[in-house]
All heavy atoms as atom14 arrays in JSON, in Angstrom:
{
  "sequence": "ADECILTTIPVGPVGALPRAVAVDKRGKIWACTH",
  "atom14_mask": [
    [1, 1, 1, 1, 1, 0, 0, 0, 0, 0, 0, 0, 0, 0],
    [1, 1, 1, 1, 1, 1, 1, 1, 0, 0, 0, 0, 0, 0],
    [1, 1, 1, 1, 1, 1, 1, 1, 1, 0, 0, 0, 0, 0],
    [1, 1, 1, 1, 1, 1, 0, 0, 0, 0, 0, 0, 0, 0],
    [1, 1, 1, 1, 1, 1, 1, 1, 0, 0, 0, 0, 0, 0],
    [1, 1, 1, 1, 1, 1, 1, 1, 0, 0, 0, 0, 0, 0],
    [1, 1, 1, 1, 1, 1, 1, 0, 0, 0, 0, 0, 0, 0],
    [1, 1, 1, 1, 1, 1, 1, 0, 0, 0, 0, 0, 0, 0],
    [1, 1, 1, 1, 1, 1, 1, 1, 0, 0, 0, 0, 0, 0],
    [1, 1, 1, 1, 1, 1, 1, 0, 0, 0, 0, 0, 0, 0],
    [1, 1, 1, 1, 1, 1, 1, 0, 0, 0, 0, 0, 0, 0],
    [1, 1, 1, 1, 0, 0, 0, 0, 0, 0, 0, 0, 0, 0],
    [1, 1, 1, 1, 1, 1, 1, 0, 0, 0, 0, 0, 0, 0],
    [1, 1, 1, 1, 1, 1, 1, 0, 0, 0, 0, 0, 0, 0],
    [1, 1, 1, 1, 0, 0, 0, 0, 0, 0, 0, 0, 0, 0],
    [1, 1, 1, 1, 1, 0, 0, 0, 0, 0, 0, 0, 0, 0],
    [1, 1, 1, 1, 1, 1, 1, 1, 0, 0, 0, 0, 0, 0],
    [1, 1, 1, 1, 1, 1, 1, 0, 0, 0, 0, 0, 0, 0],
    [1, 1, 1, 1, 1, 1, 1, 1, 1, 1, 1, 0, 0, 0],
    [1, 1, 1, 1, 1, 0, 0, 0, 0, 0, 0, 0, 0, 0],
    [1, 1, 1, 1, 1, 1, 1, 0, 0, 0, 0, 0, 0, 0],
    [1, 1, 1, 1, 1, 0, 0, 0, 0, 0, 0, 0, 0, 0],
    [1, 1, 1, 1, 1, 1, 1, 0, 0, 0, 0, 0, 0, 0],
    [1, 1, 1, 1, 1, 1, 1, 1, 0, 0, 0, 0, 0, 0],
    [1, 1, 1, 1, 1, 1, 1, 1, 1, 0, 0, 0, 0, 0],
    [1, 1, 1, 1, 1, 1, 1, 1, 1, 1, 1, 0, 0, 0],
    [1, 1, 1, 1, 0, 0, 0, 0, 0, 0, 0, 0, 0, 0],
    [1, 1, 1, 1, 1, 1, 1, 1, 1, 0, 0, 0, 0, 0],
    [1, 1, 1, 1, 1, 1, 1, 1, 0, 0, 0, 0, 0, 0],
    [1, 1, 1, 1, 1, 1, 1, 1, 1, 1, 1, 1, 1, 1],
    [1, 1, 1, 1, 1, 0, 0, 0, 0, 0, 0, 0, 0, 0],
    [1, 1, 1, 1, 1, 1, 0, 0, 0, 0, 0, 0, 0, 0],
    [1, 1, 1, 1, 1, 1, 1, 0, 0, 0, 0, 0, 0, 0],
    [1, 1, 1, 1, 1, 1, 1, 1, 1, 1, 0, 0, 0, 0]
  ],
  "atom14_positions": [
    [[0.82, -1.22, 0.0], [0.0, 0.0, 0.0], [0.84, 1.26, 0.0], [0.3, 2.37, 0.02], [-0.94, 0.0, 1.21], [0.0, 0.0, 0.0], [0.0, 0.0, 0.0], [0.0, 0.0, 0.0], [0.0, 0.0, 0.0], [0.0, 0.0, 0.0], [0.0, 0.0, 0.0], [0.0, 0.0, 0.0], [0.0, 0.0, 0.0], [0.0, 0.0, 0.0]],
    [[2.17, 1.12, -0.03], [3.05, 2.29, 0.0], [2.96, 3.07, -1.31], [3.22, 2.52, -2.39], [4.5, 1.84, 0.23], [5.38, 2.98, 0.71], [5.44, 4.01, 0.01], [6.01, 2.83, 1.77], [0.0, 0.0, 0.0], [0.0, 0.0, 0.0], [0.0, 0.0, 0.0], [0.0, 0.0, 0.0], [0.0, 0.0, 0.0], [0.0, 0.0, 0.0]],
    [[2.58, 4.33, -1.21], [2.33, 5.14, -2.4], [3.59, 5.81, -2.96], [3.5, 6.58, -3.91], [1.25, 6.17, -2.09], [-0.1, 5.51, -1.83], [-1.19, 6.47, -1.41], [-0.89, 7.53, -0.82], [-2.37, 6.14, -1.66], [0.0, 0.0, 0.0], [0.0, 0.0, 0.0], [0.0, 0.0, 0.0], [0.0, 0.0, 0.0], [0.0, 0.0, 0.0]],
    [[4.76, 5.48, -2.39], [6.02, 5.94, -2.95], [6.75, 4.84, -3.71], [7.85, 5.06, -4.23], [6.92, 6.53, -1.87], [6.3, 8.1, -1.21], [0.0, 0.0, 0.0], [0.0, 0.0, 0.0], [0.0, 0.0, 0.0], [0.0, 0.0, 0.0], [0.0, 0.0, 0.0], [0.0, 0.0, 0.0], [0.0, 0.0, 0.0], [0.0, 0.0, 0.0]],
    [[6.16, 3.64, -3.78], [6.6, 2.64, -4.75], [5.81, 2.96, -6.01], [4.59, 2.82, -6.05], [6.32, 1.2, -4.29], [6.82, 0.97, -2.87], [6.98, 0.21, -5.25], [6.44, -0.4, -2.31], [0.0, 0.0, 0.0], [0.0, 0.0, 0.0], [0.0, 0.0, 0.0], [0.0, 0.0, 0.0], [0.0, 0.0, 0.0], [0.0, 0.0, 0.0]],
    [[6.49, 3.41, -7.05], [5.79, 4.01, -8.17], [5.35, 3.01, -9.23], [4.26, 3.14, -9.79], [6.67, 5.1, -8.8], [7.07, 6.22, -7.84], [7.93, 7.25, -8.56], [5.85, 6.89, -7.22], [0.0, 0.0, 0.0], [0.0, 0.0, 0.0], [0.0, 0.0, 0.0], [0.0, 0.0, 0.0], [0.0, 0.0, 0.0], [0.0, 0.0, 0.0]],
    [[6.18, 2.02, -9.52], [5.77, 1.04, -10.53], [6.7, -0.16, -10.49], [7.8, -0.11, -9.93], [5.76, 1.65, -11.94], [5.03, 0.8, -12.83], [7.17, 1.84, -12.48], [0.0, 0.0, 0.0], [0.0, 0.0, 0.0], [0.0, 0.0, 0.0], [0.0, 0.0, 0.0], [0.0, 0.0, 0.0], [0.0, 0.0, 0.0], [0.0, 0.0, 0.0]],
    [[6.26, -1.24, -11.09], [7.08, -2.42, -11.36], [6.71, -2.93, -12.75], [5.52, -3.03, -13.08], [6.83, -3.54, -10.33], [7.27, -3.11, -9.04], [7.59, -4.82, -10.7], [0.0, 0.0, 0.0], [0.0, 0.0, 0.0], [0.0, 0.0, 0.0], [0.0, 0.0, 0.0], [0.0, 0.0, 0.0], [0.0, 0.0, 0.0], [0.0, 0.0, 0.0]],
    [[7.71, -3.22, -13.58], [7.46, -3.76, -14.92], [8.34, -4.99, -15.13], [9.45, -5.06, -14.59], [7.73, -2.74, -16.04], [9.19, -2.3, -16.03], [6.8, -1.53, -15.91], [9.59, -1.49, -17.25], [0.0, 0.0, 0.0], [0.0, 0.0, 0.0], [0.0, 0.0, 0.0], [0.0, 0.0, 0.0], [0.0, 0.0, 0.0], [0.0, 0.0, 0.0]],
    [[7.89, -5.98, -15.9], [8.74, -7.13, -16.2], [9.87, -6.72, -17.14], [9.72, -5.84, -17.98], [7.78, -8.12, -16.87], [6.7, -7.25, -17.45], [6.55, -6.09, -16.49], [0.0, 0.0, 0.0], [0.0, 0.0, 0.0], [0.0, 0.0, 0.0], [0.0, 0.0, 0.0], [0.0, 0.0, 0.0], [0.0, 0.0, 0.0], [0.0, 0.0, 0.0]],
    [[11.02, -7.37, -17.0], [12.17, -7.12, -17.87], [12.6, -8.44, -18.49], [12.96, -9.38, -17.78], [13.35, -6.51, -17.09], [14.58, -6.39, -17.98], [12.97, -5.15, -16.54], [0.0, 0.0, 0.0], [0.0, 0.0, 0.0], [0.0, 0.0, 0.0], [0.0, 0.0, 0.0], [0.0, 0.0, 0.0], [0.0, 0.0, 0.0], [0.0, 0.0, 0.0]],
    [[12.56, -8.51, -19.81], [13.0, -9.7, -20.51], [12.09, -10.89, -20.28], [11.1, -10.81, -19.54], [0.0, 0.0, 0.0], [0.0, 0.0, 0.0], [0.0, 0.0, 0.0], [0.0, 0.0, 0.0], [0.0, 0.0, 0.0], [0.0, 0.0, 0.0], [0.0, 0.0, 0.0], [0.0, 0.0, 0.0], [0.0, 0.0, 0.0], [0.0, 0.0, 0.0]],
    [[12.4, -12.02, -20.89], [11.6, -13.23, -20.7], [11.85, -13.86, -19.34], [12.77, -13.49, -18.61], [12.08, -14.14, -21.83], [13.48, -13.69, -22.1], [13.48, -12.21, -21.87], [0.0, 0.0, 0.0], [0.0, 0.0, 0.0], [0.0, 0.0, 0.0], [0.0, 0.0, 0.0], [0.0, 0.0, 0.0], [0.0, 0.0, 0.0], [0.0, 0.0, 0.0]],
    [[11.02, -14.83, -18.99], [11.19, -15.58, -17.74], [12.57, -16.22, -17.72], [13.02, -16.81, -18.71], [10.08, -16.66, -17.61], [10.39, -17.6, -16.45], [8.73, -16.0, -17.4], [0.0, 0.0, 0.0], [0.0, 0.0, 0.0], [0.0, 0.0, 0.0], [0.0, 0.0, 0.0], [0.0, 0.0, 0.0], [0.0, 0.0, 0.0], [0.0, 0.0, 0.0]],
    [[13.25, -16.08, -16.58], [14.57, -16.68, -16.42], [15.71, -15.91, -17.04], [16.86, -16.38, -17.01], [0.0, 0.0, 0.0], [0.0, 0.0, 0.0], [0.0, 0.0, 0.0], [0.0, 0.0, 0.0], [0.0, 0.0, 0.0], [0.0, 0.0, 0.0], [0.0, 0.0, 0.0], [0.0, 0.0, 0.0], [0.0, 0.0, 0.0], [0.0, 0.0, 0.0]],
    [[15.47, -14.71, -17.58], [16.54, -13.95, -18.23], [17.49, -13.32, -17.23], [18.62, -12.99, -17.57], [15.96, -12.88, -19.14], [0.0, 0.0, 0.0], [0.0, 0.0, 0.0], [0.0, 0.0, 0.0], [0.0, 0.0, 0.0], [0.0, 0.0, 0.0], [0.0, 0.0, 0.0], [0.0, 0.0, 0.0], [0.0, 0.0, 0.0], [0.0, 0.0, 0.0]],
    [[17.08, -13.13, -16.01], [17.91, -12.66, -14.9], [18.46, -11.24, -15.12], [19.64, -11.05, -15.43], [19.06, -13.63, -14.67], [19.9, -13.45, -13.39], [19.04, -13.57, -12.15], [21.01, -14.48, -13.34], [0.0, 0.0, 0.0], [0.0, 0.0, 0.0], [0.0, 0.0, 0.0], [0.0, 0.0, 0.0], [0.0, 0.0, 0.0], [0.0, 0.0, 0.0]],
    [[17.63, -10.2, -14.96], [18.15, -8.83, -15.06], [19.09, -8.52, -13.91], [18.72, -8.64, -12.75], [16.88, -7.97, -15.01], [15.85, -8.82, -14.35], [16.18, -10.24, -14.7], [0.0, 0.0, 0.0], [0.0, 0.0, 0.0], [0.0, 0.0, 0.0], [0.0, 0.0, 0.0], [0.0, 0.0, 0.0], [0.0, 0.0, 0.0], [0.0, 0.0, 0.0]],
    [[20.32, -8.16, -14.25], [21.32, -7.85, -13.23], [21.76, -6.39, -13.25], [22.15, -5.84, -12.24], [22.56, -8.73, -13.41], [22.42, -10.16, -12.92], [23.78, -10.82, -12.88], [23.75, -12.21, -12.48], [23.82, -12.63, -11.21], [23.88, -11.76, -10.23], [23.81, -13.92, -10.94], [0.0, 0.0, 0.0], [0.0, 0.0, 0.0], [0.0, 0.0, 0.0]],
    [[21.74, -5.75, -14.41], [22.33, -4.42, -14.56], [21.26, -3.37, -14.76], [20.25, -3.62, -15.42], [23.29, -4.41, -15.75], [0.0, 0.0, 0.0], [0.0, 0.0, 0.0], [0.0, 0.0, 0.0], [0.0, 0.0, 0.0], [0.0, 0.0, 0.0], [0.0, 0.0, 0.0], [0.0, 0.0, 0.0], [0.0, 0.0, 0.0], [0.0, 0.0, 0.0]],
    [[21.48, -2.16, -14.21], [20.56, -1.04, -14.43], [21.35, 0.26, -14.35], [22.3, 0.38, -13.58], [19.41, -1.04, -13.4], [19.92, -0.8, -11.98], [18.33, -0.03, -13.76], [0.0, 0.0, 0.0], [0.0, 0.0, 0.0], [0.0, 0.0, 0.0], [0.0, 0.0, 0.0], [0.0, 0.0, 0.0], [0.0, 0.0, 0.0], [0.0, 0.0, 0.0]],
    [[21.0, 1.22, -15.2], [21.67, 2.53, -15.22], [20.75, 3.53, -15.87], [19.82, 3.17, -16.61], [23.0, 2.45, -15.97], [0.0, 0.0, 0.0], [0.0, 0.0, 0.0], [0.0, 0.0, 0.0], [0.0, 0.0, 0.0], [0.0, 0.0, 0.0], [0.0, 0.0, 0.0], [0.0, 0.0, 0.0], [0.0, 0.0, 0.0], [0.0, 0.0, 0.0]],
    [[20.98, 4.82, -15.62], [20.23, 5.89, -16.27], [21.22, 6.73, -17.07], [22.32, 7.03, -16.61], [19.46, 6.75, -15.24], [20.39, 7.35, -14.2], [18.67, 7.85, -15.93], [0.0, 0.0, 0.0], [0.0, 0.0, 0.0], [0.0, 0.0, 0.0], [0.0, 0.0, 0.0], [0.0, 0.0, 0.0], [0.0, 0.0, 0.0], [0.0, 0.0, 0.0]],
    [[20.84, 7.06, -18.32], [21.75, 7.84, -19.15], [21.46, 9.33, -19.05], [20.52, 9.76, -18.39], [21.75, 7.34, -20.6], [20.45, 7.62, -21.36], [19.78, 8.64, -21.09], [20.1, 6.82, -22.25], [0.0, 0.0, 0.0], [0.0, 0.0, 0.0], [0.0, 0.0, 0.0], [0.0, 0.0, 0.0], [0.0, 0.0, 0.0], [0.0, 0.0, 0.0]],
    [[22.28, 10.15, -19.72], [22.18, 11.6, -19.58], [20.91, 12.17, -20.19], [20.55, 13.32, -19.92], [23.4, 12.27, -20.2], [23.48, 12.2, -21.71], [24.69, 12.95, -22.24], [24.69, 13.05, -23.74], [25.86, 13.8, -24.25], [0.0, 0.0, 0.0], [0.0, 0.0, 0.0], [0.0, 0.0, 0.0], [0.0, 0.0, 0.0], [0.0, 0.0, 0.0]],
    [[20.21, 11.38, -21.01], [18.92, 11.81, -21.55], [17.76, 11.37, -20.66], [16.6, 11.57, -21.01], [18.74, 11.26, -22.97], [19.7, 11.87, -23.97], [19.53, 11.26, -25.35], [20.41, 11.9, -26.32], [20.06, 12.92, -27.1], [18.84, 13.42, -27.01], [20.91, 13.43, -27.95], [0.0, 0.0, 0.0], [0.0, 0.0, 0.0], [0.0, 0.0, 0.0]],
    [[18.07, 10.75, -19.55], [17.03, 10.33, -18.61], [16.46, 8.97, -18.89], [15.54, 8.53, -18.18], [0.0, 0.0, 0.0], [0.0, 0.0, 0.0], [0.0, 0.0, 0.0], [0.0, 0.0, 0.0], [0.0, 0.0, 0.0], [0.0, 0.0, 0.0], [0.0, 0.0, 0.0], [0.0, 0.0, 0.0], [0.0, 0.0, 0.0], [0.0, 0.0, 0.0]],
    [[16.96, 8.27, -19.91], [16.44, 6.95, -20.23], [17.01, 5.91, -19.27], [18.16, 6.0, -18.83], [16.78, 6.57, -21.67], [16.27, 7.57, -22.71], [14.76, 7.72, -22.67], [14.25, 8.69, -23.72], [14.37, 8.18, -25.09], [0.0, 0.0, 0.0], [0.0, 0.0, 0.0], [0.0, 0.0, 0.0], [0.0, 0.0, 0.0], [0.0, 0.0, 0.0]],
    [[16.19, 4.9, -18.97], [16.58, 3.84, -18.05], [16.99, 2.6, -18.85], [16.28, 2.18, -19.76], [15.42, 3.48, -17.1], [14.87, 4.74, -16.42], [15.88, 2.46, -16.05], [15.88, 5.53, -15.61], [0.0, 0.0, 0.0], [0.0, 0.0, 0.0], [0.0, 0.0, 0.0], [0.0, 0.0, 0.0], [0.0, 0.0, 0.0], [0.0, 0.0, 0.0]],
    [[18.13, 2.02, -18.48], [18.64, 0.82, -19.13], [18.66, -0.33, -18.13], [19.09, -0.17, -16.99], [20.06, 1.06, -19.64], [20.16, 2.05, -20.75], [20.13, 3.41, -20.66], [20.29, 1.74, -22.15], [20.24, 3.97, -21.91], [20.34, 2.97, -22.85], [20.38, 0.55, -22.88], [20.49, 3.04, -24.23], [20.52, 0.62, -24.25], [20.57, 1.85, -24.92]],
    [[18.21, -1.49, -18.58], [18.31, -2.71, -17.78], [18.83, -3.82, -18.68], [18.41, -3.94, -19.84], [16.95, -3.1, -17.21], [0.0, 0.0, 0.0], [0.0, 0.0, 0.0], [0.0, 0.0, 0.0], [0.0, 0.0, 0.0], [0.0, 0.0, 0.0], [0.0, 0.0, 0.0], [0.0, 0.0, 0.0], [0.0, 0.0, 0.0], [0.0, 0.0, 0.0]],
    [[19.76, -4.62, -18.17], [20.39, -5.67, -18.98], [20.19, -7.03, -18.3], [20.27, -7.14, -17.07], [21.88, -5.41, -19.15], [22.28, -3.81, -19.9], [0.0, 0.0, 0.0], [0.0, 0.0, 0.0], [0.0, 0.0, 0.0], [0.0, 0.0, 0.0], [0.0, 0.0, 0.0], [0.0, 0.0, 0.0], [0.0, 0.0, 0.0], [0.0, 0.0, 0.0]],
    [[19.94, -8.04, -19.12], [19.66, -9.38, -18.62], [20.87, -10.29, -18.82], [21.43, -10.38, -19.91], [18.42, -9.96, -19.32], [18.47, -9.66, -20.72], [17.16, -9.35, -18.74], [0.0, 0.0, 0.0], [0.0, 0.0, 0.0], [0.0, 0.0, 0.0], [0.0, 0.0, 0.0], [0.0, 0.0, 0.0], [0.0, 0.0, 0.0], [0.0, 0.0, 0.0]],
    [[21.22, -11.0, -17.75], [22.46, -11.77, -17.69], [22.43, -13.01, -18.58], [23.42, -13.35, -19.23], [22.7, -12.18, -16.23], [23.93, -12.97, -15.99], [23.94, -14.35, -15.91], [25.23, -12.59, -15.8], [25.17, -14.77, -15.68], [25.97, -13.73, -15.6], [0.0, 0.0, 0.0], [0.0, 0.0, 0.0], [0.0, 0.0, 0.0], [0.0, 0.0, 0.0]]
  ]
}
């Protein structure tokens, strides 16, 4: 019920194992699957 958790989205297929995340200078979010 915490209203400061803003969202959750799936990354990649099942079992892809997202390990990396970064934000670039244009504000875009990057996530990489191991």
